Amino acid sequence: MKSKCFVSDYAYFYDSIYQDKDYKKEVDFLEKIFEKFLKKKPKNILDLGCGTGNHILELSKRGYKTSGVDISPDMIKIAQEKFKKLNLRGDFYIKDIACYRPRKKFDVIISMFAVINYIIEIKALLRLFKNVYSVLKKDGLFIFEIWNAFKAQNSLLPTSFKEIELDNKNKLIREGRIKTYRLSQICRIDYVLKLYNEEKIIKHYKENHILRFYYPQEIRNYLSFSNLKLINIYPSFRFGKIKDEDFHILYVAKK
């Protein structure tokens, strides 16, 4: 079971679909994490599953040296165009994050917006965590955001619908059919995207996303097995204790 996702059309509309996401606020919180757990300001940051580059774009604006890796060539292309437009420098690589092991080391490695949930095999997740350990500098941070299995398995509805106004004449509708497999902790989302021009469909395409639910204790064990020390788990982008009803949660681990 493999995902077929984030290809050309979906990648092109990705930022429009998630236009309500506040990347500046999220990076503000990341910087608070840096200040709280690092002795000095980090210089080099790697984003695993960087997508269209919004987190590292904001980090680059704030003076950090950034690198991004993503399996989607279309997403990487969009990220590169954003950096070029603002005359910012960033290194980008088209790779499967579960196998990616760069030569240089980083002060911080991040992976946002449930990217790690797309790694559905435990072997692959452990390989990723071990690679993270190997390329983090001493006392470096690994910060990642994933779904909270306690909430996700019980709150995902069988269908989803989102309408995005692109301009005066064009709109995009994304319809999703969601199936969860509790025993295997797998979720399959089949998306149908329809691009309208003045109420007429001019494009119609499909994507399927396969994700795995992870419970906090599982992640604790996998981090420990990979020699990464879990510092804390937070509700996404705010300090406090996590609750079962928190859908997205943020892990902070250290080498």
C-alpha atoms as a PDB file:
ATOM      1  CA  MET A   1       0.000   0.000   0.000  1.00  0.00           C
ATOM      2  CA  LYS A   2       1.682   3.194  -1.201  1.00  0.00           C
ATOM      3  CA  SER A   3       0.632   6.805  -1.500  1.00  0.00           C
ATOM      4  CA  LYS A   4       0.347   8.523  -4.839  1.00  0.00           C
ATOM      5  CA  CYS A   5       0.402  12.098  -3.705  1.00  0.00           C
ATOM      6  CA  PHE A   6       1.814  15.608  -4.054  1.00  0.00           C
ATOM      7  CA  VAL A   7       2.251  15.295  -7.818  1.00  0.00           C
ATOM      8  CA  SER A   8       2.148  18.249 -10.215  1.00  0.00           C
ATOM      9  CA  ASP A   9      -1.437  19.545  -9.958  1.00  0.00           C
ATOM     10  CA  TYR A  10      -1.820  18.940  -6.222  1.00  0.00           C
ATOM     11  CA  ALA A  11       1.616  20.435  -5.591  1.00  0.00           C
ATOM     12  CA  TYR A  12       0.682  23.509  -7.632  1.00  0.00           C
ATOM     13  CA  PHE A  13      -2.447  24.122  -5.540  1.00  0.00           C
ATOM     14  CA  TYR A  14      -0.968  23.012  -2.213  1.00  0.00           C
ATOM     15  CA  ASP A  15      -0.371  26.527  -0.883  1.00  0.00           C
ATOM     16  CA  SER A  16      -3.876  27.591  -1.887  1.00  0.00           C
ATOM     17  CA  ILE A  17      -5.392  24.571  -0.120  1.00  0.00           C
ATOM     18  CA  TYR A  18      -3.540  25.452   3.086  1.00  0.00           C
ATOM     19  CA  GLN A  19      -3.627  29.234   2.753  1.00  0.00           C
ATOM     20  CA  ASP A  20      -5.033  29.551   6.280  1.00  0.00           C
ATOM     21  CA  LYS A  21      -1.945  27.926   7.829  1.00  0.00           C
ATOM     22  CA  ASP A  22       0.093  30.444   9.850  1.00  0.00           C
ATOM     23  CA  TYR A  23       3.717  29.565   9.096  1.00  0.00           C
ATOM     24  CA  LYS A  24       5.084  32.688  10.784  1.00  0.00           C
ATOM     25  CA  LYS A  25       3.385  31.750  14.046  1.00  0.00           C
ATOM     26  CA  GLU A  26       4.684  28.187  13.786  1.00  0.00           C
ATOM     27  CA  VAL A  27       8.243  29.377  13.195  1.00  0.00           C
ATOM     28  CA  ASP A  28       7.867  31.782  16.136  1.00  0.00           C
ATOM     29  CA  PHE A  29       7.208  28.734  18.301  1.00  0.00           C
ATOM     30  CA  LEU A  30      10.129  26.820  16.800  1.00  0.00           C
ATOM     31  CA  GLU A  31      12.398  29.699  17.784  1.00  0.00           C
ATOM     32  CA  LYS A  32      11.043  29.522  21.333  1.00  0.00           C
ATOM     33  CA  ILE A  33      12.006  25.835  21.344  1.00  0.00           C
ATOM     34  CA  PHE A  34      15.503  26.757  20.126  1.00  0.00           C
ATOM     35  CA  GLU A  35      15.867  29.314  22.923  1.00  0.00           C
ATOM     36  CA  LYS A  36      14.556  26.915  25.549  1.00  0.00           C
ATOM     37  CA  PHE A  37      16.676  23.868  24.735  1.00  0.00           C
ATOM     38  CA  LEU A  38      19.793  25.073  22.908  1.00  0.00           C
ATOM     39  CA  LYS A  39      22.734  26.892  24.469  1.00  0.00           C
ATOM     40  CA  LYS A  40      23.175  29.096  21.408  1.00  0.00           C
ATOM     41  CA  LYS A  41      21.225  30.063  18.317  1.00  0.00           C
ATOM     42  CA  PRO A  42      21.340  27.294  15.686  1.00  0.00           C
ATOM     43  CA  LYS A  43      22.896  27.985  12.302  1.00  0.00           C
ATOM     44  CA  ASN A  44      22.007  25.028  10.069  1.00  0.00           C
ATOM     45  CA  ILE A  45      18.473  23.629   9.868  1.00  0.00           C
ATOM     46  CA  LEU A  46      17.243  20.669   7.812  1.00  0.00           C
ATOM     47  CA  ASP A  47      13.553  20.213   6.980  1.00  0.00           C
ATOM     48  CA  LEU A  48      12.544  16.604   6.274  1.00  0.00           C
ATOM     49  CA  GLY A  49       9.531  16.618   3.969  1.00  0.00           C
ATOM     50  CA  CYS A  50       9.824  20.339   3.291  1.00  0.00           C
ATOM     51  CA  GLY A  51       7.039  20.380   0.695  1.00  0.00           C
ATOM     52  CA  THR A  52       6.752  23.800  -0.932  1.00  0.00           C
ATOM     53  CA  GLY A  53       9.255  25.151   1.569  1.00  0.00           C
ATOM     54  CA  ASN A  54       7.116  27.421   3.730  1.00  0.00           C
ATOM     55  CA  HIS A  55       8.744  26.671   7.096  1.00  0.00           C
ATOM     56  CA  ILE A  56      12.329  26.933   5.885  1.00  0.00           C
ATOM     57  CA  LEU A  57      11.455  29.985   3.795  1.00  0.00           C
ATOM     58  CA  GLU A  58      10.404  31.772   6.981  1.00  0.00           C
ATOM     59  CA  LEU A  59      13.475  30.454   8.805  1.00  0.00           C
ATOM     60  CA  SER A  60      15.718  31.674   5.974  1.00  0.00           C
ATOM     61  CA  LYS A  61      14.166  35.135   6.196  1.00  0.00           C
ATOM     62  CA  ARG A  62      15.262  35.148   9.843  1.00  0.00           C
ATOM     63  CA  GLY A  63      18.879  34.398   8.998  1.00  0.00           C
ATOM     64  CA  TYR A  64      19.152  30.621   9.350  1.00  0.00           C
ATOM     65  CA  LYS A  65      20.951  28.457   6.796  1.00  0.00           C
ATOM     66  CA  THR A  66      18.369  25.973   5.587  1.00  0.00           C
ATOM     67  CA  SER A  67      18.139  22.758   3.613  1.00  0.00           C
ATOM     68  CA  GLY A  68      15.019  20.935   2.499  1.00  0.00           C
ATOM     69  CA  VAL A  69      14.388  17.424   1.270  1.00  0.00           C
ATOM     70  CA  ASP A  70      11.183  16.051  -0.230  1.00  0.00           C
ATOM     71  CA  ILE A  71      10.209  13.081  -2.369  1.00  0.00           C
ATOM     72  CA  SER A  72       8.092  15.264  -4.679  1.00  0.00           C
ATOM     73  CA  PRO A  73      10.036  16.991  -7.496  1.00  0.00           C
ATOM     74  CA  ASP A  74       7.050  19.281  -8.068  1.00  0.00           C
ATOM     75  CA  MET A  75       7.008  20.470  -4.456  1.00  0.00           C
ATOM     76  CA  ILE A  76      10.771  21.035  -4.481  1.00  0.00           C
ATOM     77  CA  LYS A  77      10.511  23.060  -7.694  1.00  0.00           C
ATOM     78  CA  ILE A  78       7.938  25.375  -6.100  1.00  0.00           C
ATOM     79  CA  ALA A  79      10.107  25.764  -2.990  1.00  0.00           C
ATOM     80  CA  GLN A  80      13.135  26.669  -5.104  1.00  0.00           C
ATOM     81  CA  GLU A  81      11.123  29.272  -7.009  1.00  0.00           C
ATOM     82  CA  LYS A  82      10.055  30.922  -3.739  1.00  0.00           C
ATOM     83  CA  PHE A  83      13.649  31.171  -2.552  1.00  0.00           C
ATOM     84  CA  LYS A  84      14.811  32.524  -5.907  1.00  0.00           C
ATOM     85  CA  LYS A  85      12.066  35.157  -5.950  1.00  0.00           C
ATOM     86  CA  LEU A  86      13.228  36.508  -2.574  1.00  0.00           C
ATOM     87  CA  ASN A  87      16.917  36.102  -3.425  1.00  0.00           C
ATOM     88  CA  LEU A  88      17.378  33.656  -0.549  1.00  0.00           C
ATOM     89  CA  ARG A  89      19.730  30.712  -0.511  1.00  0.00           C
ATOM     90  CA  GLY A  90      18.559  27.215   0.354  1.00  0.00           C
ATOM     91  CA  ASP A  91      19.739  23.729  -0.517  1.00  0.00           C
ATOM     92  CA  PHE A  92      17.108  21.324  -1.826  1.00  0.00           C
ATOM     93  CA  TYR A  93      17.174  17.592  -2.476  1.00  0.00           C
ATOM     94  CA  ILE A  94      14.648  15.246  -4.071  1.00  0.00           C
ATOM     95  CA  LYS A  95      14.849  12.179  -1.853  1.00  0.00           C
ATOM     96  CA  ASP A  96      12.746   9.818   0.237  1.00  0.00           C
ATOM     97  CA  ILE A  97      13.260  11.153   3.766  1.00  0.00           C
ATOM     98  CA  ALA A  98      13.245   7.612   5.184  1.00  0.00           C
ATOM     99  CA  CYS A  99      16.458   6.891   3.254  1.00  0.00           C
ATOM    100  CA  TYR A 100      18.065  10.330   3.175  1.00  0.00           C
ATOM    101  CA  ARG A 101      21.401  10.698   4.954  1.00  0.00           C
ATOM    102  CA  PRO A 102      23.240  13.922   4.108  1.00  0.00           C
ATOM    103  CA  ARG A 103      26.983  14.285   4.478  1.00  0.00           C
ATOM    104  CA  LYS A 104      26.925  17.445   6.570  1.00  0.00           C
ATOM    105  CA  LYS A 105      25.579  17.801  10.099  1.00  0.00           C
ATOM    106  CA  PHE A 106      22.841  20.079  11.399  1.00  0.00           C
ATOM    107  CA  ASP A 107      22.055  21.961  14.589  1.00  0.00           C
ATOM    108  CA  VAL A 108      18.324  21.339  14.172  1.00  0.00           C
ATOM    109  CA  ILE A 109      16.245  18.940  12.088  1.00  0.00           C
ATOM    110  CA  ILE A 110      12.517  19.568  11.702  1.00  0.00           C
ATOM    111  CA  SER A 111       9.659  17.656  10.097  1.00  0.00           C
ATOM    112  CA  MET A 112       6.317  19.442  10.140  1.00  0.00           C
ATOM    113  CA  PHE A 113       2.661  18.918   9.290  1.00  0.00           C
ATOM    114  CA  ALA A 114       2.376  15.137   9.753  1.00  0.00           C
ATOM    115  CA  VAL A 115       5.092  14.258   7.231  1.00  0.00           C
ATOM    116  CA  ILE A 116       6.253  11.395   9.448  1.00  0.00           C
ATOM    117  CA  ASN A 117       2.758   9.886   9.390  1.00  0.00           C
ATOM    118  CA  TYR A 118       3.417   9.098   5.717  1.00  0.00           C
ATOM    119  CA  ILE A 119       6.101   6.642   6.842  1.00  0.00           C
ATOM    120  CA  ILE A 120       3.936   3.588   7.390  1.00  0.00           C
ATOM    121  CA  GLU A 121       6.611   0.917   7.920  1.00  0.00           C
ATOM    122  CA  ILE A 122       8.289   0.701  11.324  1.00  0.00           C
ATOM    123  CA  LYS A 123      11.609  -0.302   9.737  1.00  0.00           C
ATOM    124  CA  ALA A 124      11.572   2.848   7.636  1.00  0.00           C
ATOM    125  CA  LEU A 125      10.727   5.035  10.632  1.00  0.00           C
ATOM    126  CA  LEU A 126      13.575   3.549  12.671  1.00  0.00           C
ATOM    127  CA  ARG A 127      15.938   4.070   9.751  1.00  0.00           C
ATOM    128  CA  LEU A 128      14.858   7.708   9.592  1.00  0.00           C
ATOM    129  CA  PHE A 129      15.376   8.234  13.334  1.00  0.00           C
ATOM    130  CA  LYS A 130      18.815   6.607  13.200  1.00  0.00           C
ATOM    131  CA  ASN A 131      19.783   8.786  10.233  1.00  0.00           C
ATOM    132  CA  VAL A 132      18.590  11.851  12.139  1.00  0.00           C
ATOM    133  CA  TYR A 133      20.807  10.855  15.055  1.00  0.00           C
ATOM    134  CA  SER A 134      23.816  10.418  12.774  1.00  0.00           C
ATOM    135  CA  VAL A 135      23.520  13.853  11.123  1.00  0.00           C
ATOM    136  CA  LEU A 136      22.568  15.906  14.179  1.00  0.00           C
ATOM    137  CA  LYS A 137      25.372  17.781  15.861  1.00  0.00           C
ATOM    138  CA  LYS A 138      26.026  17.065  19.543  1.00  0.00           C
ATOM    139  CA  ASP A 139      23.060  18.324  21.607  1.00  0.00           C
ATOM    140  CA  GLY A 140      21.185  19.097  18.371  1.00  0.00           C
ATOM    141  CA  LEU A 141      17.381  19.113  18.302  1.00  0.00           C
ATOM    142  CA  PHE A 142      14.939  16.990  16.330  1.00  0.00           C
ATOM    143  CA  ILE A 143      11.495  18.629  16.245  1.00  0.00           C
ATOM    144  CA  PHE A 144       8.604  16.947  14.480  1.00  0.00           C
ATOM    145  CA  GLU A 145       4.838  17.311  14.328  1.00  0.00           C
ATOM    146  CA  ILE A 146       2.559  14.308  13.820  1.00  0.00           C
ATOM    147  CA  TRP A 147      -1.006  13.195  14.352  1.00  0.00           C
ATOM    148  CA  ASN A 148      -1.990  12.049  17.817  1.00  0.00           C
ATOM    149  CA  ALA A 149      -3.352   8.527  17.301  1.00  0.00           C
ATOM    150  CA  PHE A 150      -5.690   8.817  20.305  1.00  0.00           C
ATOM    151  CA  LYS A 151      -7.517  11.682  18.600  1.00  0.00           C
ATOM    152  CA  ALA A 152      -7.046  10.894  14.905  1.00  0.00           C
ATOM    153  CA  GLN A 153      -8.420   7.351  14.981  1.00  0.00           C
ATOM    154  CA  ASN A 154     -11.615   8.547  16.630  1.00  0.00           C
ATOM    155  CA  SER A 155     -12.257  11.872  14.944  1.00  0.00           C
ATOM    156  CA  LEU A 156     -11.638  11.474  11.211  1.00  0.00           C
ATOM    157  CA  LEU A 157     -14.950  11.590   9.381  1.00  0.00           C
ATOM    158  CA  PRO A 158     -15.554   9.280   6.394  1.00  0.00           C
ATOM    159  CA  THR A 159     -15.731  12.249   4.019  1.00  0.00           C
ATOM    160  CA  SER A 160     -14.207  15.713   3.791  1.00  0.00           C
ATOM    161  CA  PHE A 161     -14.926  18.751   1.639  1.00  0.00           C
ATOM    162  CA  LYS A 162     -12.993  21.945   1.039  1.00  0.00           C
ATOM    163  CA  GLU A 163     -13.701  24.769  -1.398  1.00  0.00           C
ATOM    164  CA  ILE A 164     -10.966  27.269  -2.236  1.00  0.00           C
ATOM    165  CA  GLU A 165     -11.620  30.488  -4.132  1.00  0.00           C
ATOM    166  CA  LEU A 166      -8.580  31.033  -6.352  1.00  0.00           C
ATOM    167  CA  ASP A 167      -9.731  34.275  -7.992  1.00  0.00           C
ATOM    168  CA  ASN A 168     -12.912  35.845  -9.367  1.00  0.00           C
ATOM    169  CA  LYS A 169     -13.413  33.118 -11.966  1.00  0.00           C
ATOM    170  CA  ASN A 170     -11.643  30.025 -10.654  1.00  0.00           C
ATOM    171  CA  LYS A 171     -12.178  27.806  -7.660  1.00  0.00           C
ATOM    172  CA  LEU A 172     -10.871  24.454  -6.478  1.00  0.00           C
ATOM    173  CA  ILE A 173     -12.931  21.816  -4.719  1.00  0.00           C
ATOM    174  CA  ARG A 174     -11.231  18.989  -2.848  1.00  0.00           C
ATOM    175  CA  GLU A 175     -13.355  16.040  -1.793  1.00  0.00           C
ATOM    176  CA  GLY A 176     -11.921  13.286   0.363  1.00  0.00           C
ATOM    177  CA  ARG A 177     -13.015   9.771   1.237  1.00  0.00           C
ATOM    178  CA  ILE A 178     -11.350   8.516   4.382  1.00  0.00           C
ATOM    179  CA  LYS A 179     -10.958   4.923   5.526  1.00  0.00           C
ATOM    180  CA  THR A 180      -9.240   3.948   8.771  1.00  0.00           C
ATOM    181  CA  TYR A 181      -7.886   0.497   9.592  1.00  0.00           C
ATOM    182  CA  ARG A 182      -7.607   0.422  13.363  1.00  0.00           C
ATOM    183  CA  LEU A 183      -5.702  -2.831  13.795  1.00  0.00           C
ATOM    184  CA  SER A 184      -2.935  -1.801  11.408  1.00  0.00           C
ATOM    185  CA  GLN A 185      -3.163   1.886  12.451  1.00  0.00           C
ATOM    186  CA  ILE A 186      -3.462   2.902   8.806  1.00  0.00           C
ATOM    187  CA  CYS A 187      -5.503   5.683   7.255  1.00  0.00           C
ATOM    188  CA  ARG A 188      -6.223   5.984   3.531  1.00  0.00           C
ATOM    189  CA  ILE A 189      -7.498   9.264   2.110  1.00  0.00           C
ATOM    190  CA  ASP A 190      -8.647   9.311  -1.509  1.00  0.00           C
ATOM    191  CA  TYR A 191      -8.893  12.858  -2.797  1.00  0.00           C
ATOM    192  CA  VAL A 192     -10.727  14.083  -5.866  1.00  0.00           C
ATOM    193  CA  LEU A 193      -9.774  17.597  -6.921  1.00  0.00           C
ATOM    194  CA  LYS A 194     -11.908  19.600  -9.332  1.00  0.00           C
ATOM    195  CA  LEU A 195     -10.806  22.890 -10.821  1.00  0.00           C
ATOM    196  CA  TYR A 196     -13.688  25.120 -11.899  1.00  0.00           C
ATOM    197  CA  ASN A 197     -13.731  28.083 -14.236  1.00  0.00           C
ATOM    198  CA  GLU A 198     -17.016  29.974 -13.980  1.00  0.00           C
ATOM    199  CA  GLU A 199     -18.787  26.854 -12.652  1.00  0.00           C
ATOM    200  CA  LYS A 200     -17.409  24.611 -15.415  1.00  0.00           C
ATOM    201  CA  ILE A 201     -14.979  21.823 -14.508  1.00  0.00           C
ATOM    202  CA  ILE A 202     -11.768  22.330 -16.483  1.00  0.00           C
ATOM    203  CA  LYS A 203      -9.559  19.865 -14.588  1.00  0.00           C
ATOM    204  CA  HIS A 204     -10.277  16.724 -12.604  1.00  0.00           C
ATOM    205  CA  TYR A 205      -7.666  14.572 -10.934  1.00  0.00           C
ATOM    206  CA  LYS A 206      -7.138  12.168  -8.049  1.00  0.00           C
ATOM    207  CA  GLU A 207      -4.628  11.503  -5.294  1.00  0.00           C
ATOM    208  CA  ASN A 208      -4.415   8.903  -2.570  1.00  0.00           C
ATOM    209  CA  HIS A 209      -2.656   9.462   0.725  1.00  0.00           C
ATOM    210  CA  ILE A 210      -1.677   6.562   2.999  1.00  0.00           C
ATOM    211  CA  LEU A 211      -0.729   7.455   6.566  1.00  0.00           C
ATOM    212  CA  ARG A 212      -0.013   5.607   9.791  1.00  0.00           C
ATOM    213  CA  PHE A 213      -1.241   6.572  13.245  1.00  0.00           C
ATOM    214  CA  TYR A 214       1.453   6.623  15.930  1.00  0.00           C
ATOM    215  CA  TYR A 215       0.789   6.616  19.664  1.00  0.00           C
ATOM    216  CA  PRO A 216       3.056   8.688  21.934  1.00  0.00           C
ATOM    217  CA  GLN A 217       4.468   5.609  23.655  1.00  0.00           C
ATOM    218  CA  GLU A 218       5.416   4.108  20.292  1.00  0.00           C
ATOM    219  CA  ILE A 219       7.322   7.237  19.341  1.00  0.00           C
ATOM    220  CA  ARG A 220       9.034   7.289  22.739  1.00  0.00           C
ATOM    221  CA  ASN A 221      10.240   3.731  22.189  1.00  0.00           C
ATOM    222  CA  TYR A 222      11.437   4.318  18.623  1.00  0.00           C
ATOM    223  CA  LEU A 223      13.335   7.462  19.631  1.00  0.00           C
ATOM    224  CA  SER A 224      14.971   5.652  22.535  1.00  0.00           C
ATOM    225  CA  PHE A 225      15.936   2.723  20.298  1.00  0.00           C
ATOM    226  CA  SER A 226      17.610   5.253  17.978  1.00  0.00           C
ATOM    227  CA  ASN A 227      19.541   6.878  20.864  1.00  0.00           C
ATOM    228  CA  LEU A 228      17.521  10.088  20.635  1.00  0.00           C
ATOM    229  CA  LYS A 229      16.419  11.540  23.966  1.00  0.00           C
ATOM    230  CA  LEU A 230      12.822  12.733  24.115  1.00  0.00           C
ATOM    231  CA  ILE A 231      12.712  16.092  25.895  1.00  0.00           C
ATOM    232  CA  ASN A 232       8.999  16.842  25.741  1.00  0.00           C
ATOM    233  CA  ILE A 233       5.759  16.539  23.787  1.00  0.00           C
ATOM    234  CA  TYR A 234       3.609  19.620  23.244  1.00  0.00           C
ATOM    235  CA  PRO A 235       0.256  20.429  21.700  1.00  0.00           C
ATOM    236  CA  SER A 236       1.168  21.750  18.263  1.00  0.00           C
ATOM    237  CA  PHE A 237       2.928  25.108  18.464  1.00  0.00           C
ATOM    238  CA  ARG A 238       2.141  25.971  22.060  1.00  0.00           C
ATOM    239  CA  PHE A 239       3.549  25.028  25.423  1.00  0.00           C
ATOM    240  CA  GLY A 240       1.464  22.882  27.734  1.00  0.00           C
ATOM    241  CA  LYS A 241       0.547  19.267  28.368  1.00  0.00           C
ATOM    242  CA  ILE A 242      -0.873  17.179  25.557  1.00  0.00           C
ATOM    243  CA  LYS A 243      -4.370  15.788  25.862  1.00  0.00           C
ATOM    244  CA  ASP A 244      -6.092  12.962  24.024  1.00  0.00           C
ATOM    245  CA  GLU A 245      -8.168  15.541  22.125  1.00  0.00           C
ATOM    246  CA  ASP A 246      -5.092  17.263  20.621  1.00  0.00           C
ATOM    247  CA  PHE A 247      -5.026  16.199  16.960  1.00  0.00           C
ATOM    248  CA  HIS A 248      -1.522  17.462  16.104  1.00  0.00           C
ATOM    249  CA  ILE A 249       1.289  17.118  18.627  1.00  0.00           C
ATOM    250  CA  LEU A 250       4.895  18.282  18.540  1.00  0.00           C
ATOM    251  CA  TYR A 251       7.826  16.153  19.712  1.00  0.00           C
ATOM    252  CA  VAL A 252      11.136  17.643  20.783  1.00  0.00           C
ATOM    253  CA  ALA A 253      14.075  15.238  20.974  1.00  0.00           C
ATOM    254  CA  LYS A 254      17.795  15.738  21.453  1.00  0.00           C
ATOM    255  CA  LYS A 255      20.959  13.938  20.465  1.00  0.00           C
END
